[in-house]
Amino acid sequence: MKDTHPDDRCIDFYKSRSGNGLHCTIVGNVVIPNGHGTNSSCLEISGDERWTHLSSAIKAQGARPGIQLSTTWESYTGVKSFKPPSQDTSIEKYRLATSQLCTTQILEIFKALDYGTELALKANFEHIQLHAAHGYFFSLIIDSSFSSKSELGIKLIEDWIARFRSPDIELSLRVSLTTGIQNIDSTRQFFLNTITKLDLNYFDLSDGFYNIDKRQIYPTTTKHINARHNASIELSLRNPTKNFIISGKANNLSDTFLPSNISLGFCRDLIANPNFLVNPTFKCTDCMHCHYYSRSQSNITCKLW
């Protein structure tokens, strides 16, 4: 049986990247209890003491310990190629995944989310992020383009927020600005307007669906980077009372006017250089080694280490 808890390597990885004034370190893509990971290497939140060791290591460096909770579904398989597969096939699989779930099953998944949140809080995590992006379960269940039960999904997230929102705990939602499916994205603003009404501390803006076009999630070209940043800034300007996190080569925005409700999120550059915040010239070179699943590896690596 695979060990689903953070090991010493994982703890050291996050510890080394949690200093230099970073506000929050979010441990990514952690599976809720009895959930399904995006791949076989994903960790699953539990009551194991190693989760407390991880949050303590992050906090000792000065950052707020955060965790991103997620799930897919039993038959989910992530594509390994960055080249988009057939969109029609992917859309059909997304819609089938939600249509096969009855209301009782959906309620059970959100019950598991509650339990996972409780476990994370007991392990002293102070920021809980719900992963509702990239075509995973929570991104589909709240989107009427993929689920006939989207109103229920949004209501259940509102209930989750009401249960766990407190002055000491930050709650955030990771969401995709677009899906990569043209006829859906043409009306995407309606979805985003609905989601940004939620009473959350932050909306973490990503882009794309994993099985449609991974290049949107991990932008490297100027075209993709600028489109994502521009869409993020426009959304923040339309919602001045909400707080947003921009990621996806966020360091490129250093000379750009940013509204006061935007925070920068760093991922690939911080992976490549734990001291990126004080030495930003040493950063990700897009070697693609960190995409371990696409390279049929079990652990993240980087050419610069």
Protein backbone atom coordinates (compact mmCIF):
# COMPACT_ATOMS: atom_id res chain seq x y z
CA MET A 1 0.00 0.00 0.00
CA LYS A 2 1.32 3.45 -0.96
CA ASP A 3 2.32 5.76 1.89
CA THR A 4 -0.01 8.75 1.55
CA HIS A 5 1.66 10.86 4.25
CA PRO A 6 4.38 13.50 3.83
CA ASP A 7 7.85 11.99 4.20
CA ASP A 8 11.05 13.76 5.28
CA ARG A 9 11.83 14.78 1.71
CA CYS A 10 8.42 16.42 1.35
CA ILE A 11 8.75 18.24 4.68
CA ASP A 12 12.23 19.52 3.79
CA PHE A 13 11.00 20.64 0.36
CA TYR A 14 8.26 22.87 1.78
CA LYS A 15 10.34 24.03 4.72
CA SER A 16 13.12 25.33 2.47
CA ARG A 17 10.60 27.35 0.44
CA SER A 18 8.65 28.96 3.29
CA GLY A 19 10.91 31.82 4.31
CA ASN A 20 12.02 35.19 2.95
CA GLY A 21 8.74 36.92 3.75
CA LEU A 22 6.38 34.49 2.00
CA HIS A 23 2.87 34.99 3.41
CA CYS A 24 1.56 31.44 2.90
CA THR A 25 2.93 28.11 1.71
CA ILE A 26 0.22 25.89 0.25
CA VAL A 27 0.85 22.14 0.08
CA GLY A 28 -0.72 21.30 -3.26
CA ASN A 29 -3.25 18.79 -4.49
CA VAL A 30 -3.84 16.79 -1.29
CA VAL A 31 -6.61 14.21 -1.58
CA ILE A 32 -9.58 14.34 0.80
CA PRO A 33 -10.31 11.17 2.85
CA ASN A 34 -11.47 8.31 0.61
CA GLY A 35 -11.04 10.58 -2.40
CA HIS A 36 -9.21 9.96 -5.65
CA GLY A 37 -5.92 11.56 -6.58
CA THR A 38 -4.92 13.01 -9.92
CA ASN A 39 -2.17 10.39 -9.96
CA SER A 40 -0.83 7.61 -7.73
CA SER A 41 1.75 9.86 -6.03
CA CYS A 42 -0.77 12.23 -4.45
CA LEU A 43 -0.84 12.53 -0.67
CA GLU A 44 -4.07 12.05 1.33
CA ILE A 45 -4.88 14.10 4.41
CA SER A 46 -5.21 12.06 7.60
CA GLY A 47 -4.66 12.24 11.32
CA ASP A 48 -1.05 11.08 10.96
CA GLU A 49 1.34 13.25 13.02
CA ARG A 50 3.52 13.87 9.98
CA TRP A 51 0.98 16.39 8.74
CA THR A 52 1.53 18.37 11.93
CA HIS A 53 5.29 18.09 11.41
CA LEU A 54 4.83 19.54 7.92
CA SER A 55 2.71 22.51 9.03
CA SER A 56 5.12 23.21 11.91
CA ALA A 57 8.12 23.20 9.56
CA ILE A 58 6.41 25.74 7.31
CA LYS A 59 5.38 28.00 10.18
CA ALA A 60 8.85 27.89 11.73
CA GLN A 61 10.16 29.60 8.60
CA GLY A 62 7.64 32.44 8.92
CA ALA A 63 4.94 31.45 6.44
CA ARG A 64 1.33 30.58 7.15
CA PRO A 65 0.90 26.81 6.58
CA GLY A 66 -1.71 26.10 3.92
CA ILE A 67 -3.11 23.00 2.27
CA GLN A 68 -5.01 22.48 -0.97
CA LEU A 69 -7.73 19.81 -0.78
CA SER A 70 -8.83 18.01 -3.91
CA THR A 71 -10.37 14.91 -5.43
CA THR A 72 -11.06 13.49 -8.86
CA TRP A 73 -13.18 10.34 -9.32
CA GLU A 74 -12.51 6.62 -9.49
CA SER A 75 -12.07 6.30 -13.27
CA TYR A 76 -10.12 9.53 -13.73
CA THR A 77 -6.88 9.32 -15.71
CA GLY A 78 -4.76 12.37 -16.43
CA VAL A 79 -3.26 12.66 -19.90
CA LYS A 80 0.53 12.68 -20.01
CA SER A 81 0.95 14.55 -23.26
CA PHE A 82 0.90 18.37 -23.28
CA LYS A 83 -0.63 18.20 -26.76
CA PRO A 84 -4.42 18.54 -26.43
CA PRO A 85 -6.34 15.31 -26.98
CA SER A 86 -9.78 15.27 -28.58
CA GLN A 87 -11.82 17.95 -26.81
CA ASP A 88 -15.09 16.18 -27.56
CA THR A 89 -13.87 13.02 -25.81
CA SER A 90 -12.67 14.96 -22.76
CA ILE A 91 -15.91 16.94 -22.46
CA GLU A 92 -17.90 13.72 -22.66
CA LYS A 93 -15.82 12.18 -19.86
CA TYR A 94 -16.20 15.27 -17.66
CA ARG A 95 -19.97 15.34 -18.07
CA LEU A 96 -20.26 11.60 -17.59
CA ALA A 97 -18.30 11.80 -14.34
CA THR A 98 -20.81 14.21 -12.78
CA SER A 99 -23.94 12.68 -14.32
CA GLN A 100 -23.15 9.29 -12.80
CA LEU A 101 -23.18 10.74 -9.27
CA CYS A 102 -26.49 10.90 -7.43
CA THR A 103 -27.22 13.57 -4.83
CA THR A 104 -26.36 11.20 -1.98
CA GLN A 105 -22.92 10.50 -3.47
CA ILE A 106 -22.23 14.21 -3.93
CA LEU A 107 -23.20 14.86 -0.32
CA GLU A 108 -20.80 12.11 0.78
CA ILE A 109 -17.93 13.73 -1.13
CA PHE A 110 -18.60 17.07 0.56
CA LYS A 111 -18.83 15.28 3.90
CA ALA A 112 -15.35 13.92 3.19
CA LEU A 113 -14.23 17.48 2.39
CA ASP A 114 -15.51 18.60 5.79
CA TYR A 115 -13.63 15.78 7.48
CA GLY A 116 -10.48 16.54 5.51
CA THR A 117 -10.75 20.20 6.51
CA GLU A 118 -11.11 19.22 10.16
CA LEU A 119 -8.02 17.00 9.91
CA ALA A 120 -6.06 19.82 8.29
CA LEU A 121 -7.06 22.26 11.03
CA LYS A 122 -6.11 19.73 13.72
CA ALA A 123 -2.70 19.49 12.03
CA ASN A 124 -2.44 23.29 12.50
CA PHE A 125 -2.86 24.36 8.89
CA GLU A 126 -4.10 27.95 8.82
CA HIS A 127 -5.09 28.30 5.17
CA ILE A 128 -7.42 25.79 3.50
CA GLN A 129 -7.75 25.92 -0.26
CA LEU A 130 -10.40 24.01 -2.20
CA HIS A 131 -9.08 22.88 -5.58
CA ALA A 132 -11.95 23.72 -7.96
CA ALA A 133 -9.87 24.07 -11.13
CA HIS A 134 -8.34 22.00 -13.96
CA GLY A 135 -11.34 19.71 -14.55
CA TYR A 136 -11.18 17.91 -11.20
CA PHE A 137 -14.35 17.04 -9.28
CA PHE A 138 -15.00 20.33 -7.47
CA SER A 139 -14.45 22.34 -10.66
CA LEU A 140 -17.09 20.30 -12.49
CA ILE A 141 -19.77 20.04 -9.82
CA ILE A 142 -20.09 23.85 -9.52
CA ASP A 143 -20.16 24.49 -13.29
CA SER A 144 -23.46 24.24 -15.17
CA SER A 145 -21.53 23.53 -18.39
CA PHE A 146 -20.58 20.15 -16.94
CA SER A 147 -23.10 19.36 -14.20
CA SER A 148 -26.88 19.52 -13.90
CA LYS A 149 -26.36 19.78 -10.13
CA SER A 150 -24.17 22.91 -10.18
CA GLU A 151 -26.56 24.85 -7.93
CA LEU A 152 -26.25 22.09 -5.33
CA GLY A 153 -22.46 22.14 -5.68
CA ILE A 154 -22.27 25.89 -5.07
CA LYS A 155 -24.66 25.61 -2.13
CA LEU A 156 -22.47 22.92 -0.56
CA ILE A 157 -19.37 25.10 -0.95
CA GLU A 158 -21.28 27.96 0.71
CA ASP A 159 -22.07 25.59 3.59
CA TRP A 160 -18.39 24.58 3.80
CA ILE A 161 -17.38 28.23 3.98
CA ALA A 162 -19.96 28.96 6.69
CA ARG A 163 -18.68 26.06 8.81
CA PHE A 164 -14.99 26.85 8.64
CA ARG A 165 -14.64 30.60 8.05
CA SER A 166 -13.08 32.27 11.10
CA PRO A 167 -10.73 35.17 11.92
CA ASP A 168 -7.87 32.70 12.42
CA ILE A 169 -8.39 30.64 9.26
CA GLU A 170 -8.05 31.69 5.62
CA LEU A 171 -10.22 29.96 3.04
CA SER A 172 -9.56 30.11 -0.69
CA LEU A 173 -10.76 28.60 -3.93
CA ARG A 174 -8.55 27.68 -6.87
CA VAL A 175 -10.46 28.20 -10.10
CA SER A 176 -9.69 28.08 -13.83
CA LEU A 177 -10.26 31.31 -15.76
CA THR A 178 -10.95 29.27 -18.88
CA THR A 179 -11.39 25.59 -19.72
CA GLY A 180 -9.74 25.55 -23.13
CA ILE A 181 -13.08 24.67 -24.75
CA GLN A 182 -14.06 27.57 -27.00
CA ASN A 183 -17.87 27.29 -26.91
CA ILE A 184 -17.81 27.01 -23.09
CA ASP A 185 -15.28 29.79 -22.58
CA SER A 186 -17.36 32.20 -24.69
CA THR A 187 -19.80 32.38 -21.76
CA ARG A 188 -17.25 31.78 -18.99
CA GLN A 189 -17.80 35.20 -17.42
CA PHE A 190 -21.19 34.12 -16.11
CA PHE A 191 -19.54 31.25 -14.22
CA LEU A 192 -16.78 33.49 -12.85
CA ASN A 193 -19.30 36.14 -11.77
CA THR A 194 -21.21 33.47 -9.85
CA ILE A 195 -18.13 32.01 -8.16
CA THR A 196 -16.66 35.34 -7.08
CA LYS A 197 -19.78 36.03 -5.01
CA LEU A 198 -18.61 33.39 -2.54
CA ASP A 199 -17.43 34.73 0.83
CA LEU A 200 -13.81 33.61 0.65
CA ASN A 201 -10.54 35.20 1.72
CA TYR A 202 -8.93 34.59 -1.67
CA PHE A 203 -9.67 33.38 -5.18
CA ASP A 204 -6.55 31.69 -6.58
CA LEU A 205 -6.66 32.14 -10.36
CA SER A 206 -5.31 29.38 -12.56
CA ASP A 207 -6.26 28.50 -16.11
CA GLY A 208 -7.18 25.55 -18.27
CA PHE A 209 -8.33 21.97 -17.77
CA TYR A 210 -5.67 19.29 -17.40
CA ASN A 211 -7.08 16.89 -20.01
CA ILE A 212 -7.80 19.66 -22.53
CA ASP A 213 -4.57 21.69 -22.76
CA LYS A 214 -1.94 21.58 -20.02
CA ARG A 215 -0.11 24.50 -21.65
CA GLN A 216 -2.75 26.81 -20.19
CA ILE A 217 -2.10 25.54 -16.66
CA TYR A 218 1.68 25.80 -17.05
CA PRO A 219 2.20 28.76 -19.41
CA THR A 220 5.62 29.28 -20.97
CA THR A 221 4.96 31.39 -24.07
CA THR A 222 4.49 35.15 -23.92
CA LYS A 223 1.06 34.77 -25.53
CA HIS A 224 -0.23 32.36 -22.87
CA ILE A 225 1.34 34.25 -19.98
CA ASN A 226 -0.01 37.64 -21.04
CA ALA A 227 -3.50 36.29 -21.74
CA ARG A 228 -3.67 34.73 -18.29
CA HIS A 229 -2.35 37.79 -16.48
CA ASN A 230 -4.65 40.16 -18.38
CA ALA A 231 -7.71 38.02 -17.64
CA SER A 232 -6.73 37.82 -13.97
CA ILE A 233 -6.31 41.59 -13.66
CA GLU A 234 -9.61 42.25 -15.44
CA LEU A 235 -11.45 39.92 -13.07
CA SER A 236 -9.90 41.60 -10.04
CA LEU A 237 -10.89 45.05 -11.32
CA ARG A 238 -14.50 43.91 -11.75
CA ASN A 239 -14.50 42.64 -8.16
CA PRO A 240 -12.64 45.29 -6.10
CA THR A 241 -13.91 43.96 -2.74
CA LYS A 242 -12.53 40.46 -3.36
CA ASN A 243 -8.93 39.28 -3.01
CA PHE A 244 -7.17 37.38 -5.79
CA ILE A 245 -3.95 35.41 -6.22
CA ILE A 246 -2.28 35.55 -9.63
CA SER A 247 0.04 32.72 -10.57
CA GLY A 248 1.57 31.40 -13.78
CA LYS A 249 4.96 33.14 -14.12
CA ALA A 250 3.78 35.85 -11.74
CA ASN A 251 7.28 37.32 -11.51
CA ASN A 252 6.75 38.71 -15.05
CA LEU A 253 4.33 41.22 -13.50
CA SER A 254 7.03 43.11 -11.58
CA ASP A 255 6.72 46.17 -13.86
CA THR A 256 2.94 45.93 -14.28
CA PHE A 257 0.33 47.98 -12.45
CA LEU A 258 -1.54 45.63 -10.15
CA PRO A 259 -4.75 46.44 -8.31
CA SER A 260 -4.44 46.40 -4.51
CA ASN A 261 -6.64 43.28 -4.27
CA ILE A 262 -4.08 41.10 -6.08
CA SER A 263 -1.37 38.99 -4.45
CA LEU A 264 1.33 37.16 -6.39
CA GLY A 265 1.53 33.38 -6.25
CA PHE A 266 4.84 31.66 -7.02
CA CYS A 267 5.19 28.02 -8.03
CA ARG A 268 7.69 26.92 -10.69
CA ASP A 269 10.21 29.67 -9.89
CA LEU A 270 10.10 28.79 -6.19
CA ILE A 271 10.49 25.10 -7.03
CA ALA A 272 13.63 25.88 -9.00
CA ASN A 273 15.03 28.29 -6.41
CA PRO A 274 13.96 28.12 -2.74
CA ASN A 275 15.39 31.64 -2.30
CA PHE A 276 13.63 33.08 -5.33
CA LEU A 277 12.02 35.89 -3.31
CA VAL A 278 15.44 37.37 -2.50
CA ASN A 279 17.23 36.25 -5.67
CA PRO A 280 14.64 36.43 -8.50
CA THR A 281 17.26 36.32 -11.26
CA PHE A 282 17.76 32.61 -10.52
CA LYS A 283 14.44 31.13 -11.62
CA CYS A 284 12.63 28.43 -13.59
CA THR A 285 14.12 27.75 -17.02
CA ASP A 286 11.13 25.71 -18.26
CA CYS A 287 13.15 22.50 -18.41
CA MET A 288 9.86 20.66 -17.70
CA HIS A 289 11.44 18.21 -15.24
CA CYS A 290 9.00 19.29 -12.53
CA HIS A 291 6.15 17.76 -14.55
CA TYR A 292 6.89 14.39 -13.02
CA TYR A 293 3.62 12.68 -13.98
CA SER A 294 3.94 13.67 -17.65
CA ARG A 295 7.47 12.20 -17.56
CA SER A 296 6.22 8.95 -15.92
CA GLN A 297 8.11 9.71 -12.71
CA SER A 298 6.85 9.45 -9.11
CA ASN A 299 8.58 12.50 -7.63
CA ILE A 300 9.10 16.11 -8.61
CA THR A 301 12.59 17.01 -9.78
CA CYS A 302 14.29 20.07 -11.27
CA LYS A 303 17.36 20.47 -13.46
CA LEU A 304 18.56 23.37 -11.28
CA TRP A 305 18.77 21.39 -8.05
